[in-house]
Amino acid sequence: MVDSSRRMLELLSLLQLRREWSGAELAERLGVTDRTLRRDVDKLRELDYPVHAVKGRGGGYRLGDGGRLPPLQFASDEAVAAAIALTTAASSNVHGVGEAAQRALAKLQQVLPSRLRAGVERLGASVVNLPGAAVVDPTVLLTVAGACQDRVRLRFDYVRGDGTESLREVEPYGLVAWTGRWYLVAWDLDRSDWRTFRVDRLRPRTPLGRRFTPRELPADNAGTYLQRRVRDLWDEKAVILVQEPADSELMRRWAVEGEVQPVDETSSRLLLDGDSVQWLASALAQLEADFVVEHPRELRDYLRGVTARLSRAVADPPTDHG
C-alpha cells in the first residue's frame, strides 16, 4: 500500500511536470506495467484529479485544467523554492500581490513536513518587506504580458516623469523587473525605435491591436537592453583601473553594474555609468579592491573632498581638559 501511494504521488508529480506523456514513457519512469499505470490513473481520477487520455500512437495522458483539483504535490526542494518565492513576493509592488502571497505562504506552511516548516517559518520571521513606491496594477501587468506573449500591438496612455502625457502604440517585446520596478521593452511605432516604459505609468487601451512579426532586439534579451538603455541616458561616465583580474569573482559581480575589460593578469578596467559623480563615488566606496580613477577629473576631485572629510571623521576626538 505504501509503495502504491508513493508511486501515485510520483505519477502526479510527473503529470504536473509536463503537459503530455505517452503511456510507455510514464510506465518506464515509474517502473510498472501498462496495466498498473492504467490502474493508478483510475485512482487519481477517483480523487478528482482530471487526468485525460491523449489519443495517438500508443496513447498517453495529460493533467487537465480546472475542476476540483486537490493540493499540488511538492518535492522537498520544490516546497522550499516555493516558500522563498512567496516570501519574496510578499514585498511585491504589484497591487494586492503581497497580501495574497502571505496567505498562500501560510497555506503552504500548514502542509509542509515539520523539518521543512521550521526553516520556512524562521525565514518568514526574519524578513522585513519594504514594498516599492511605484505600485503596479496586476490587471495592467497581465495585459502587457499577454500582448508580449501573443505578439499583438499595444496602445496605451503614458505619463512621463515630468508629468506630460502621450498616446503610444508599440510592438511589445518583453517585461523586465528591475530595482523594484516593472519595465516594458517595446518597438515604438511612431518613433521607429526601441523604447522602455515604466509599467506603473501606462494605462492600456482596449481592444489590443493586430498581430505583428517580432523584430530583432539589439541585445541578448530585454533585461540587457534595459540596462544598456538606462546607462546611455546617464550623463556621468567613469573609467576605473582596478587591481583585480577581469575573471576574478569580485569583477564578475561588478560586471552586472558596468562593463569590465581585461588589462593584464592582475588588473582590469571598469566602465561605470551614473547620474552624478556623487552616485559614482557612493558605488565605488563598495568596491573592495585598490583602484585609480582614470576619468573623469570631477570624480577624482569629489573623492578627494570625501577622503578629507572621512579622515577628519575618524580622527581622535579632542581631549577635554575641563
Protein backbone atom coordinates (compact mmCIF):
# COMPACT_ATOMS: atom_id res chain seq x y z
CA MET A 1 0.00 0.00 0.00
CA VAL A 2 2.87 2.38 0.87
CA ASP A 3 4.58 1.61 -2.45
CA SER A 4 1.31 2.20 -4.30
CA SER A 5 0.72 5.57 -2.60
CA ARG A 6 4.29 6.67 -3.22
CA ARG A 7 4.00 5.64 -6.87
CA MET A 8 0.77 7.63 -7.29
CA LEU A 9 2.43 10.74 -5.86
CA GLU A 10 5.31 10.27 -8.27
CA LEU A 11 2.84 9.83 -11.13
CA LEU A 12 1.06 13.03 -10.12
CA SER A 13 4.36 14.87 -9.95
CA LEU A 14 5.26 13.72 -13.47
CA LEU A 15 1.88 14.80 -14.84
CA GLN A 16 2.40 18.26 -13.33
CA LEU A 17 5.90 18.48 -14.78
CA ARG A 18 4.94 18.15 -18.46
CA ARG A 19 1.72 18.75 -20.35
CA GLU A 20 1.57 15.36 -22.10
CA TRP A 21 3.18 11.96 -21.55
CA SER A 22 2.90 8.78 -23.55
CA GLY A 23 1.78 5.74 -21.60
CA ALA A 24 5.07 3.99 -22.38
CA GLU A 25 7.12 6.91 -21.01
CA LEU A 26 5.17 7.02 -17.75
CA ALA A 27 5.32 3.25 -17.26
CA GLU A 28 9.08 3.29 -17.83
CA ARG A 29 9.64 6.21 -15.42
CA LEU A 30 7.56 4.50 -12.73
CA GLY A 31 8.92 1.02 -13.40
CA VAL A 32 5.46 -0.54 -13.79
CA THR A 33 3.42 -2.32 -16.42
CA ASP A 34 0.89 -0.58 -18.64
CA ARG A 35 -1.89 -2.29 -16.68
CA THR A 36 -0.61 -0.97 -13.34
CA LEU A 37 -0.26 2.51 -14.87
CA ARG A 38 -3.89 2.47 -16.02
CA ARG A 39 -4.98 1.38 -12.54
CA ASP A 40 -3.03 4.24 -10.91
CA VAL A 41 -4.54 6.74 -13.35
CA ASP A 42 -8.02 5.49 -12.45
CA LYS A 43 -7.25 6.00 -8.74
CA LEU A 44 -6.16 9.59 -9.42
CA ARG A 45 -9.43 10.21 -11.25
CA GLU A 46 -11.35 8.84 -8.26
CA LEU A 47 -9.58 11.53 -6.20
CA ASP A 48 -10.90 14.19 -8.62
CA TYR A 49 -7.67 14.75 -10.50
CA PRO A 50 -8.72 15.46 -14.13
CA VAL A 51 -6.33 13.06 -15.90
CA HIS A 52 -7.28 12.93 -19.58
CA ALA A 53 -6.39 10.29 -22.14
CA VAL A 54 -4.47 11.54 -25.19
CA LYS A 55 -5.23 9.87 -28.49
CA GLY A 56 -2.47 8.88 -30.82
CA ARG A 57 0.13 6.22 -31.36
CA GLY A 58 0.47 4.27 -28.13
CA GLY A 59 -1.86 6.65 -26.27
CA GLY A 60 -0.92 8.92 -23.43
CA TYR A 61 -2.10 11.11 -20.57
CA ARG A 62 -2.23 14.74 -19.52
CA LEU A 63 -3.42 16.59 -16.42
CA GLY A 64 -6.36 18.80 -17.30
CA ASP A 65 -7.08 22.34 -16.17
CA GLY A 66 -9.87 23.42 -13.85
CA GLY A 67 -12.18 21.14 -11.93
CA ARG A 68 -11.88 20.47 -8.21
CA LEU A 69 -8.14 19.98 -8.16
CA PRO A 70 -6.70 18.74 -4.85
CA PRO A 71 -3.49 20.34 -3.50
CA LEU A 72 -0.37 20.09 -5.61
CA GLN A 73 2.37 17.72 -4.51
CA PHE A 74 5.82 19.23 -3.94
CA ALA A 75 9.18 17.58 -3.58
CA SER A 76 11.22 18.98 -0.66
CA ASP A 77 13.35 21.31 -2.79
CA GLU A 78 10.27 22.48 -4.71
CA ALA A 79 8.45 23.32 -1.46
CA VAL A 80 11.41 25.35 -0.17
CA ALA A 81 11.72 27.14 -3.52
CA ALA A 82 8.00 27.97 -3.48
CA ALA A 83 8.22 29.27 0.09
CA ILE A 84 11.20 31.53 -0.72
CA ALA A 85 9.44 32.82 -3.85
CA LEU A 86 6.29 33.62 -1.86
CA THR A 87 8.34 35.35 0.84
CA THR A 88 9.94 37.50 -1.86
CA ALA A 89 6.56 38.17 -3.49
CA ALA A 90 5.25 39.49 -0.17
CA SER A 91 7.28 42.67 -0.85
CA SER A 92 5.99 42.94 -4.40
CA ASN A 93 4.94 46.37 -5.69
CA VAL A 94 2.13 44.76 -7.71
CA HIS A 95 -1.11 45.86 -6.04
CA GLY A 96 -2.66 43.11 -3.91
CA VAL A 97 0.02 40.53 -4.61
CA GLY A 98 1.82 40.99 -1.28
CA GLU A 99 -1.20 40.06 0.84
CA ALA A 100 -2.11 37.17 -1.47
CA ALA A 101 1.46 35.85 -1.26
CA GLN A 102 1.35 35.94 2.54
CA ARG A 103 -1.93 33.99 2.55
CA ALA A 104 -0.53 31.43 0.11
CA LEU A 105 2.64 31.07 2.20
CA ALA A 106 0.55 30.41 5.33
CA LYS A 107 -1.34 27.65 3.50
CA LEU A 108 1.90 26.13 2.23
CA GLN A 109 3.39 26.11 5.72
CA GLN A 110 0.42 24.11 7.04
CA VAL A 111 1.14 21.18 4.74
CA LEU A 112 4.94 21.18 4.93
CA PRO A 113 6.74 18.43 6.84
CA SER A 114 7.87 19.62 10.27
CA ARG A 115 11.56 19.58 9.29
CA LEU A 116 10.89 22.00 6.44
CA ARG A 117 8.20 24.06 8.16
CA ALA A 118 10.55 25.25 10.90
CA GLY A 119 13.06 26.62 8.42
CA VAL A 120 10.40 28.35 6.33
CA GLU A 121 8.83 29.91 9.42
CA ARG A 122 12.23 31.25 10.52
CA LEU A 123 12.72 32.73 7.06
CA GLY A 124 9.35 34.47 7.20
CA ALA A 125 10.01 35.82 10.70
CA SER A 126 13.43 37.16 9.70
CA VAL A 127 12.46 39.01 6.51
CA VAL A 128 11.26 42.61 6.60
CA ASN A 129 9.30 43.56 3.48
CA LEU A 130 9.70 47.07 2.10
CA PRO A 131 7.36 47.43 -0.92
CA GLY A 132 8.43 49.70 -3.73
CA ALA A 133 6.86 53.13 -4.07
CA ALA A 134 5.72 52.58 -7.66
CA VAL A 135 2.66 50.33 -7.36
CA VAL A 136 1.66 48.35 -10.46
CA ASP A 137 -1.90 47.32 -11.24
CA PRO A 138 -1.90 43.50 -11.70
CA THR A 139 -4.51 43.78 -14.46
CA VAL A 140 -2.22 46.12 -16.38
CA LEU A 141 0.74 43.82 -15.83
CA LEU A 142 -1.17 40.78 -17.12
CA THR A 143 -2.48 42.73 -20.12
CA VAL A 144 1.02 43.84 -21.10
CA ALA A 145 2.43 40.35 -20.54
CA GLY A 146 -0.32 38.85 -22.71
CA ALA A 147 0.43 41.31 -25.51
CA CYS A 148 4.13 40.38 -25.33
CA GLN A 149 3.36 36.67 -25.45
CA ASP A 150 0.71 36.87 -28.18
CA ARG A 151 2.74 39.35 -30.27
CA VAL A 152 -0.08 41.87 -30.65
CA ARG A 153 0.30 45.64 -30.78
CA LEU A 154 -0.38 47.60 -27.62
CA ARG A 155 -1.83 51.11 -27.33
CA PHE A 156 -1.61 52.95 -24.03
CA ASP A 157 -1.67 56.36 -22.39
CA TYR A 158 1.73 57.08 -20.88
CA VAL A 159 2.77 59.61 -18.23
CA ARG A 160 6.42 60.69 -18.40
CA GLY A 161 8.50 61.58 -15.36
CA ASP A 162 7.83 65.30 -15.92
CA GLY A 163 4.06 64.72 -15.89
CA THR A 164 3.41 65.08 -19.63
CA GLU A 165 1.02 62.54 -21.17
CA SER A 166 1.02 60.94 -24.60
CA LEU A 167 -0.70 58.15 -26.52
CA ARG A 168 1.78 55.46 -27.56
CA GLU A 169 1.42 52.49 -29.90
CA VAL A 170 4.10 49.83 -29.67
CA GLU A 171 5.08 46.30 -30.55
CA PRO A 172 5.74 44.88 -27.06
CA TYR A 173 8.80 42.67 -26.73
CA GLY A 174 9.14 41.77 -23.04
CA LEU A 175 8.80 42.76 -19.38
CA VAL A 176 11.73 43.36 -17.05
CA ALA A 177 11.56 43.53 -13.24
CA TRP A 178 14.50 45.68 -12.10
CA THR A 179 15.30 47.69 -8.96
CA GLY A 180 11.78 47.36 -7.58
CA ARG A 181 10.02 48.45 -10.77
CA TRP A 182 8.49 46.83 -13.87
CA TYR A 183 9.56 47.96 -17.34
CA LEU A 184 8.21 47.23 -20.81
CA VAL A 185 10.71 46.96 -23.67
CA ALA A 186 8.97 47.66 -26.98
CA TRP A 187 9.33 48.98 -30.53
CA ASP A 188 7.69 52.43 -30.66
CA LEU A 189 5.82 52.65 -33.96
CA ASP A 190 5.61 56.46 -34.02
CA ARG A 191 9.31 56.95 -33.24
CA SER A 192 10.55 53.95 -35.25
CA ASP A 193 12.91 52.97 -32.46
CA TRP A 194 13.20 50.76 -29.38
CA ARG A 195 11.93 52.32 -26.15
CA THR A 196 11.44 51.37 -22.49
CA PHE A 197 8.36 52.28 -20.44
CA ARG A 198 7.59 52.03 -16.75
CA VAL A 199 4.53 49.82 -16.37
CA ASP A 200 3.20 51.81 -13.39
CA ARG A 201 2.95 54.86 -15.68
CA LEU A 202 0.95 53.31 -18.53
CA ARG A 203 -2.77 52.61 -18.99
CA PRO A 204 -3.55 50.15 -21.81
CA ARG A 205 -6.37 50.88 -24.24
CA THR A 206 -8.62 48.10 -25.46
CA PRO A 207 -9.11 46.35 -27.72
CA LEU A 208 -5.50 45.44 -28.39
CA GLY A 209 -4.04 45.88 -31.88
CA ARG A 210 -3.27 43.43 -34.63
CA ARG A 211 -0.57 40.78 -34.57
CA PHE A 212 2.98 41.60 -35.65
CA THR A 213 6.17 39.80 -36.61
CA PRO A 214 8.79 40.31 -33.87
CA ARG A 215 11.81 42.43 -34.76
CA GLU A 216 15.34 41.54 -33.73
CA LEU A 217 16.15 43.15 -30.40
CA PRO A 218 19.57 44.93 -30.42
CA ALA A 219 20.66 42.99 -27.31
CA ASP A 220 20.76 39.46 -25.97
CA ASN A 221 17.47 39.93 -24.10
CA ALA A 222 15.10 42.60 -22.79
CA GLY A 223 16.97 42.89 -19.47
CA THR A 224 20.32 43.54 -21.13
CA TYR A 225 18.73 46.14 -23.41
CA LEU A 226 17.08 47.93 -20.47
CA GLN A 227 20.34 48.19 -18.54
CA ARG A 228 22.16 49.47 -21.61
CA ARG A 229 19.41 51.99 -22.33
CA VAL A 230 19.46 53.37 -18.78
CA ARG A 231 23.24 53.66 -18.80
CA ASP A 232 23.18 55.51 -22.11
CA LEU A 233 20.86 58.10 -20.57
CA TRP A 234 23.18 58.73 -17.60
CA ASP A 235 25.44 61.75 -18.00
CA GLU A 236 28.41 60.67 -15.91
CA LYS A 237 30.86 58.10 -17.33
CA ALA A 238 33.70 56.80 -15.20
CA VAL A 239 36.78 54.79 -16.19
CA ILE A 240 38.33 52.96 -13.25
CA LEU A 241 41.57 50.94 -13.24
CA VAL A 242 41.07 48.15 -10.69
CA GLN A 243 43.82 45.99 -9.19
CA GLU A 244 41.83 42.80 -9.79
CA PRO A 245 41.86 40.49 -12.83
CA ALA A 246 38.77 40.64 -15.02
CA ASP A 247 37.91 36.98 -14.40
CA SER A 248 38.01 37.27 -10.59
CA GLU A 249 34.87 36.68 -8.57
CA LEU A 250 34.83 40.33 -7.49
CA MET A 251 34.91 41.69 -11.03
CA ARG A 252 32.34 39.18 -12.25
CA ARG A 253 29.97 40.69 -9.69
CA TRP A 254 30.80 44.21 -10.86
CA ALA A 255 30.13 43.20 -14.47
CA VAL A 256 26.45 43.47 -13.53
CA GLU A 257 26.92 47.16 -12.63
CA GLY A 258 29.19 48.15 -15.51
CA GLU A 259 31.48 46.88 -18.23
CA VAL A 260 34.65 45.06 -17.18
CA GLN A 261 37.61 44.97 -19.59
CA PRO A 262 40.76 42.88 -19.02
CA VAL A 263 44.07 44.75 -18.81
CA ASP A 264 46.58 42.13 -17.66
CA GLU A 265 46.80 39.20 -15.25
CA THR A 266 46.46 41.40 -12.16
CA SER A 267 44.24 44.30 -13.23
CA SER A 268 41.13 45.24 -15.21
CA ARG A 269 39.29 48.36 -16.29
CA LEU A 270 35.76 49.11 -15.07
CA LEU A 271 33.50 51.36 -17.15
CA LEU A 272 30.78 52.66 -14.84
CA ASP A 273 27.87 54.99 -15.60
CA GLY A 274 25.80 57.06 -13.18
CA ASP A 275 23.52 60.05 -12.92
CA SER A 276 26.04 62.06 -10.84
CA VAL A 277 29.60 61.98 -9.51
CA GLN A 278 28.07 61.59 -6.05
CA TRP A 279 26.37 58.37 -7.14
CA LEU A 280 29.59 57.09 -8.72
CA ALA A 281 31.56 57.85 -5.56
CA SER A 282 28.97 56.03 -3.44
CA ALA A 283 29.16 53.00 -5.72
CA LEU A 284 32.96 52.93 -5.73
CA ALA A 285 33.02 53.02 -1.94
CA GLN A 286 31.72 49.45 -2.15
CA LEU A 287 34.49 48.28 -4.50
CA GLU A 288 36.64 46.04 -2.29
CA ALA A 289 39.90 46.46 -4.20
CA ASP A 290 42.53 49.10 -4.86
CA PHE A 291 41.63 51.30 -7.83
CA VAL A 292 42.54 54.51 -9.65
CA VAL A 293 40.02 56.86 -11.24
CA GLU A 294 41.27 57.49 -14.76
CA HIS A 295 38.25 59.58 -15.80
CA PRO A 296 36.57 61.99 -15.15
CA ARG A 297 38.60 64.57 -13.29
CA GLU A 298 35.44 65.79 -11.47
CA LEU A 299 35.09 62.39 -9.84
CA ARG A 300 38.72 62.47 -8.65
CA ASP A 301 38.17 65.93 -7.17
CA TYR A 302 34.98 64.85 -5.45
CA LEU A 303 36.66 61.77 -3.97
CA ARG A 304 39.49 63.94 -2.61
CA GLY A 305 36.94 66.04 -0.75
CA VAL A 306 35.17 62.93 0.58
CA THR A 307 38.51 61.45 1.66
CA ALA A 308 39.38 64.60 3.59
CA ARG A 309 36.03 64.63 5.38
CA LEU A 310 36.28 60.94 6.24
CA SER A 311 39.82 61.41 7.56
CA ARG A 312 38.57 64.14 9.87
CA ALA A 313 35.66 61.95 10.92
CA VAL A 314 37.94 59.15 12.18
CA ALA A 315 40.46 61.41 13.91
CA ASP A 316 40.73 61.11 17.68
CA PRO A 317 38.27 63.48 19.38
CA PRO A 318 39.85 66.41 21.25
CA THR A 319 40.63 65.76 24.89
CA ASP A 320 38.50 67.71 27.33
CA HIS A 321 40.87 69.05 29.99
CA GLY A 322 37.93 70.51 31.95
